[in-house]
Structures are given as C-alpha cells and as structure tokens.
Amino acid sequence: MTSDASNLAPASVAFPKNIKSFVKRAGRTTTGQAKAFEVWGPQFLLKYAPEPLDMAKAFELDGNVADAQVAAPFILEIGFGMGEATAHIAKVRPNDHFLCCEVHEPGVGALLKRIGEQNIQNIRILQHDAVEVIDNMLPLSSIDGVHIFFPDPWHKARHNKRRLIQTPLIAKLAARLKPGAYIHCATDWEPYAVQILEVLIAEPLLKNTAPSDLGGYAQKPDYRPLTKFENRGLKLGHGVWDVVFQRI
C-alpha cells in the first residue's frame, strides 16, 4: 500500500475539544454475549469511578492478593474490538495484568465469553471511555504498557481529526507510563501509520525501539497475534505497521 499525502495528518493537527476514545457503533448483543455479562461480568467487569484505580483490589482472586499479583506488570488496552487478540495476549503473558477499555457492548460480551470459556484470570474490563479512565483512574507513572491495535483509521482527510492517536492523547499516556514502559500501536492503513509514527516521535517522553533500517516501524512482537481480519488483508496485499515506543 502506498502513502496518500492527502490523507496524512501531522502531529500538530487540530484535535477535537473533547477527546473521545470511541465512536458509537451499531451492533446486537448475542444470547451468548448477554449470558457472559450475567455469569462473568461480576468478576471481570470494573465500574468506572473518577478516582485512582486500586490495582490490587481490581485483580484480586477469591479475596486474596499474592505479592506476585500485586507487582505484576500492568497493561492498558484501548479498544479491543471483539477481544480475540486480547484473550490471546493475556494467555501468552499470564504474569501480566490487562486493563481493557471498550464501550461497544457486543465486544465486551464477546471478550467476557472468551474469558469464561478459556479460564483467563488476568483481564479486567472497563466499559467506559478510555480517555476518562486515563484522566481520572490512572495516576502518573503507573502503567507498564499500552496497547492500541487497529483503531478506526478515518480514511477521509476531512475526518483525520477524529483519529484516536494524536498529540494530546499520547501526551496523557506517556505521562502515565513508568520509565522503561512501552506503547504499542498497530494499523493496517499506511497514512495512519505515518501519522502515528510522527505523533510518537514528537512526544519528548518517548523513544522509538525500532532499528533505524526499518523506517521507524517495529517488527511485529511475538505476543500480538494475526487476527482473521489481518490475515485476510495480508492475503490481499495490504500492509500492517507496528509502532513500539518506550518511555524515557
């Protein structure tokens, strides 16, 4: 896929006054997803509250919190879709804790269903706008990683301002990363990949982890699986770009 300069949005692009991490989408919750809310929601769904999140309490199991659990790396995921990649990553990284933000009810139900059926214990879900979660629940220097995979690319140039990954949000996230922590973004839309790279380069608290000979883009980390959608795109010749930066 080749770049289209008309679709690029620089790091300084005007950003909506009220940042939102989501766009409301249509979709029906299936019977299985509704059942997952009922059966697994009480354990794995967290309630939004405008106060710092108690990590130990959020991830306690059966009322007990082992020292290792409290000290586990804490990863924020913004927008997990139907939760396929999220569940996979949580299983291959069982010693990490994943706080996952998504407002789309069928997607939340689908991930709850995966959690229950696969006995995944290290995920908690906040069905709330991630920007408000970041602002009000996550203290500075409190998280070990951020995952943002395949956010809406908003293909048309006039809609670029609606893209999630822009300077204000990255500044918020960088401030909440611990030193040495990382932010990992992935997209299958090259103009958005260019914008993501530009925005992250412009953030003074972050540095690129990619070798210089890769044009700023990282090789896909082993933990991120190829989704069905991504596999289909690759067969059609579409590219996928991973961007991984580290907190200085």
Protein backbone atom coordinates (compact mmCIF):
# COMPACT_ATOMS: atom_id res chain seq x y z
CA MET A 1 0.00 0.00 0.00
CA THR A 2 1.38 3.41 -0.89
CA SER A 3 1.04 6.61 1.09
CA ASP A 4 -1.53 9.20 0.07
CA ALA A 5 -0.30 12.60 1.19
CA SER A 6 -3.83 13.97 1.18
CA ASN A 7 -4.73 11.54 4.00
CA LEU A 8 -1.83 12.40 6.26
CA ALA A 9 -2.42 14.41 9.41
CA PRO A 10 0.64 15.98 11.08
CA ALA A 11 1.35 15.72 14.79
CA SER A 12 0.04 19.25 15.20
CA VAL A 13 -3.34 18.52 13.58
CA ALA A 14 -6.30 20.19 15.27
CA PHE A 15 -7.78 17.79 17.79
CA PRO A 16 -11.42 17.73 18.90
CA LYS A 17 -12.00 19.83 22.00
CA ASN A 18 -13.39 16.84 23.87
CA ILE A 19 -11.22 13.81 23.19
CA LYS A 20 -13.08 10.52 22.87
CA SER A 21 -11.51 7.10 22.51
CA PHE A 22 -14.50 5.64 20.70
CA VAL A 23 -17.26 6.08 18.16
CA LYS A 24 -20.64 4.53 18.88
CA ARG A 25 -21.29 1.60 16.58
CA ALA A 26 -24.40 -0.37 15.80
CA GLY A 27 -24.48 -4.00 16.79
CA ARG A 28 -26.61 -6.53 18.56
CA THR A 29 -25.54 -8.44 21.62
CA THR A 30 -25.98 -12.17 21.07
CA THR A 31 -27.57 -14.52 23.59
CA GLY A 32 -24.14 -15.94 24.43
CA GLN A 33 -22.67 -12.48 24.99
CA ALA A 34 -25.60 -11.47 27.20
CA LYS A 35 -25.12 -14.65 29.23
CA ALA A 36 -21.43 -13.80 29.60
CA PHE A 37 -22.36 -10.43 31.14
CA GLU A 38 -24.54 -12.24 33.65
CA VAL A 39 -22.13 -15.06 34.54
CA TRP A 40 -18.67 -13.45 34.27
CA GLY A 41 -19.42 -9.75 34.40
CA PRO A 42 -19.46 -9.51 38.22
CA GLN A 43 -15.86 -10.80 38.43
CA PHE A 44 -14.23 -9.28 35.37
CA LEU A 45 -16.10 -6.00 34.75
CA LEU A 46 -14.93 -2.99 36.75
CA LYS A 47 -17.06 0.04 37.46
CA TYR A 48 -15.82 3.41 36.30
CA ALA A 49 -15.14 5.83 39.15
CA PRO A 50 -13.34 9.20 38.93
CA GLU A 51 -10.68 8.15 41.44
CA PRO A 52 -7.35 6.28 41.25
CA LEU A 53 -7.78 2.61 40.47
CA ASP A 54 -6.72 0.21 43.22
CA MET A 55 -4.77 -2.29 41.12
CA ALA A 56 -4.50 -4.89 43.87
CA LYS A 57 -8.23 -4.84 44.56
CA ALA A 58 -9.10 -4.86 40.85
CA PHE A 59 -7.12 -8.03 40.20
CA GLU A 60 -7.66 -9.92 43.41
CA LEU A 61 -8.80 -13.53 43.08
CA ASP A 62 -11.17 -15.04 45.63
CA GLY A 63 -10.42 -12.21 48.03
CA ASN A 64 -6.68 -12.94 48.21
CA VAL A 65 -3.89 -10.97 46.57
CA ALA A 66 -0.49 -12.60 46.37
CA ASP A 67 2.59 -10.38 46.40
CA ALA A 68 3.43 -11.50 42.86
CA GLN A 69 0.00 -10.50 41.64
CA VAL A 70 0.24 -7.02 43.15
CA ALA A 71 3.63 -6.46 41.50
CA ALA A 72 2.57 -7.82 38.10
CA PRO A 73 3.13 -5.56 35.08
CA PHE A 74 0.00 -3.54 34.32
CA ILE A 75 -1.00 -3.10 30.66
CA LEU A 76 -3.73 -0.78 29.40
CA GLU A 77 -5.53 -1.73 26.18
CA ILE A 78 -7.67 0.84 24.40
CA GLY A 79 -10.39 -0.57 22.15
CA PHE A 80 -10.25 -4.35 21.88
CA GLY A 81 -13.00 -4.95 19.33
CA MET A 82 -14.32 -8.48 19.84
CA GLY A 83 -11.42 -9.41 22.13
CA GLU A 84 -9.75 -12.11 20.04
CA ALA A 85 -6.24 -10.65 20.23
CA THR A 86 -6.74 -9.52 23.83
CA ALA A 87 -7.57 -13.02 25.03
CA HIS A 88 -4.61 -14.48 23.12
CA ILE A 89 -2.13 -11.98 24.57
CA ALA A 90 -3.43 -12.48 28.11
CA LYS A 91 -2.91 -16.23 27.75
CA VAL A 92 0.64 -15.99 26.40
CA ARG A 93 1.52 -13.39 29.06
CA PRO A 94 -0.12 -14.90 32.19
CA ASN A 95 2.04 -12.89 34.61
CA ASP A 96 0.80 -9.54 33.31
CA HIS A 97 -2.42 -7.76 34.21
CA PHE A 98 -4.54 -6.28 31.41
CA LEU A 99 -6.99 -3.44 31.94
CA CYS A 100 -9.07 -3.27 28.76
CA CYS A 101 -11.32 -0.36 27.78
CA GLU A 102 -14.12 -0.79 25.24
CA VAL A 103 -17.58 0.76 25.03
CA HIS A 104 -19.07 -1.50 22.35
CA GLU A 105 -21.36 -3.87 24.25
CA PRO A 106 -21.17 -6.85 21.85
CA GLY A 107 -17.37 -6.63 22.01
CA VAL A 108 -17.36 -6.54 25.80
CA GLY A 109 -19.72 -9.51 25.87
CA ALA A 110 -17.55 -11.40 23.40
CA LEU A 111 -14.40 -10.88 25.50
CA LEU A 112 -16.24 -11.88 28.69
CA LYS A 113 -17.30 -15.06 26.91
CA ARG A 114 -13.71 -15.80 25.91
CA ILE A 115 -12.52 -15.11 29.47
CA GLY A 116 -15.03 -17.54 30.93
CA GLU A 117 -14.61 -20.30 28.37
CA GLN A 118 -10.81 -20.12 28.37
CA ASN A 119 -10.43 -19.53 32.13
CA ILE A 120 -8.44 -16.33 31.70
CA GLN A 121 -7.81 -14.66 35.05
CA ASN A 122 -5.57 -11.68 34.22
CA ILE A 123 -8.03 -9.42 32.36
CA ARG A 124 -10.33 -6.75 33.77
CA ILE A 125 -12.67 -4.71 31.59
CA LEU A 126 -13.89 -1.14 31.90
CA GLN A 127 -16.84 -0.48 29.62
CA HIS A 128 -16.13 3.22 29.54
CA ASP A 129 -14.39 5.91 27.51
CA ALA A 130 -10.67 5.23 27.85
CA VAL A 131 -9.81 8.94 27.90
CA GLU A 132 -11.81 9.47 31.09
CA VAL A 133 -10.24 6.33 32.55
CA ILE A 134 -6.77 7.70 31.79
CA ASP A 135 -7.59 11.15 33.17
CA ASN A 136 -9.28 10.06 36.37
CA MET A 137 -8.26 6.49 37.25
CA LEU A 138 -4.62 6.11 36.22
CA PRO A 139 -2.00 8.03 38.22
CA LEU A 140 1.19 9.34 36.64
CA SER A 141 3.93 6.71 36.13
CA SER A 142 1.55 3.87 36.99
CA ILE A 143 1.41 1.58 33.95
CA ASP A 144 3.89 -0.73 32.25
CA GLY A 145 2.47 -0.75 28.74
CA VAL A 146 -0.26 0.44 26.39
CA HIS A 147 -1.79 -1.49 23.51
CA ILE A 148 -3.78 0.26 20.75
CA PHE A 149 -4.43 -2.16 17.91
CA PHE A 150 -6.19 -1.23 14.68
CA PRO A 151 -8.01 1.93 15.81
CA ASP A 152 -10.52 3.38 13.35
CA PRO A 153 -8.37 4.92 10.57
CA TRP A 154 -10.92 7.53 9.47
CA HIS A 155 -9.78 7.26 5.86
CA LYS A 156 -11.11 10.56 4.53
CA ALA A 157 -8.82 13.57 5.04
CA ARG A 158 -11.61 15.70 6.47
CA HIS A 159 -12.12 13.07 9.19
CA ASN A 160 -8.45 12.77 10.20
CA LYS A 161 -9.12 14.96 13.24
CA ARG A 162 -11.29 12.15 14.63
CA ARG A 163 -8.40 9.71 14.78
CA LEU A 164 -7.60 8.49 18.27
CA ILE A 165 -3.82 8.64 18.14
CA GLN A 166 -2.94 12.31 18.20
CA THR A 167 -0.70 14.54 20.28
CA PRO A 168 -2.99 15.21 23.29
CA LEU A 169 -3.75 11.54 23.96
CA ILE A 170 -0.16 10.39 23.52
CA ALA A 171 0.98 13.08 25.97
CA LYS A 172 -1.51 11.75 28.53
CA LEU A 173 -0.36 8.17 28.01
CA ALA A 174 3.36 8.99 28.07
CA ALA A 175 2.95 10.73 31.43
CA ARG A 176 1.31 7.61 32.88
CA LEU A 177 3.94 5.17 31.67
CA LYS A 178 6.63 4.10 34.10
CA PRO A 179 10.23 4.71 32.96
CA GLY A 180 11.08 1.91 30.56
CA ALA A 181 7.42 1.11 29.86
CA TYR A 182 6.13 0.92 26.30
CA ILE A 183 3.31 1.91 23.97
CA HIS A 184 2.49 -0.41 21.08
CA CYS A 185 0.23 0.68 18.22
CA ALA A 186 -0.69 -1.26 15.09
CA THR A 187 -2.63 -0.27 11.99
CA ASP A 188 -3.29 -1.60 8.50
CA TRP A 189 -3.76 1.86 6.98
CA GLU A 190 -0.42 3.31 5.86
CA PRO A 191 -1.34 7.02 6.07
CA TYR A 192 -2.42 6.44 9.68
CA ALA A 193 0.80 4.55 10.35
CA VAL A 194 2.75 7.57 9.14
CA GLN A 195 0.73 9.84 11.41
CA ILE A 196 1.15 7.52 14.41
CA LEU A 197 4.91 7.43 13.90
CA GLU A 198 5.07 11.20 13.56
CA VAL A 199 3.00 11.81 16.70
CA LEU A 200 5.03 9.42 18.83
CA ILE A 201 8.34 10.81 17.58
CA ALA A 202 7.17 14.28 18.60
CA GLU A 203 6.48 13.20 22.20
CA PRO A 204 9.60 14.11 24.23
CA LEU A 205 8.98 11.43 26.88
CA LEU A 206 9.17 8.61 24.33
CA LYS A 207 11.86 6.99 22.19
CA ASN A 208 11.50 4.61 19.25
CA THR A 209 12.50 0.97 19.82
CA ALA A 210 12.68 0.11 16.11
CA PRO A 211 16.03 -0.34 14.36
CA SER A 212 16.87 2.60 12.11
CA ASP A 213 16.88 0.40 9.00
CA LEU A 214 13.14 -0.36 9.34
CA GLY A 215 11.99 3.17 8.66
CA GLY A 216 10.81 3.70 12.21
CA TYR A 217 8.42 0.75 12.26
CA ALA A 218 8.89 -2.25 14.54
CA GLN A 219 8.75 -5.91 13.67
CA LYS A 220 5.52 -7.44 14.93
CA PRO A 221 6.09 -8.54 18.56
CA ASP A 222 5.52 -12.27 19.07
CA TYR A 223 2.71 -11.68 21.56
CA ARG A 224 0.47 -9.88 19.06
CA PRO A 225 -1.42 -12.49 17.02
CA LEU A 226 -2.56 -12.18 13.44
CA THR A 227 -6.33 -11.73 13.54
CA LYS A 228 -8.67 -13.17 10.89
CA PHE A 229 -9.21 -9.66 9.55
CA GLU A 230 -5.46 -9.03 9.39
CA ASN A 231 -4.76 -12.36 7.70
CA ARG A 232 -7.39 -11.58 5.08
CA GLY A 233 -5.81 -8.18 4.45
CA LEU A 234 -2.33 -9.62 4.12
CA LYS A 235 -3.57 -12.12 1.52
CA LEU A 236 -4.92 -9.17 -0.45
CA GLY A 237 -1.53 -7.47 -0.31
CA HIS A 238 -2.38 -4.98 2.44
CA GLY A 239 0.38 -3.99 4.83
CA VAL A 240 0.36 -3.87 8.63
CA TRP A 241 2.54 -1.47 10.58
CA ASP A 242 3.57 -1.86 14.23
CA VAL A 243 4.93 1.12 16.14
CA VAL A 244 6.56 0.50 19.52
CA PHE A 245 7.98 3.33 21.62
CA GLN A 246 9.46 3.31 25.12
CA ARG A 247 9.15 5.79 27.99
CA ILE A 248 12.47 7.50 28.65
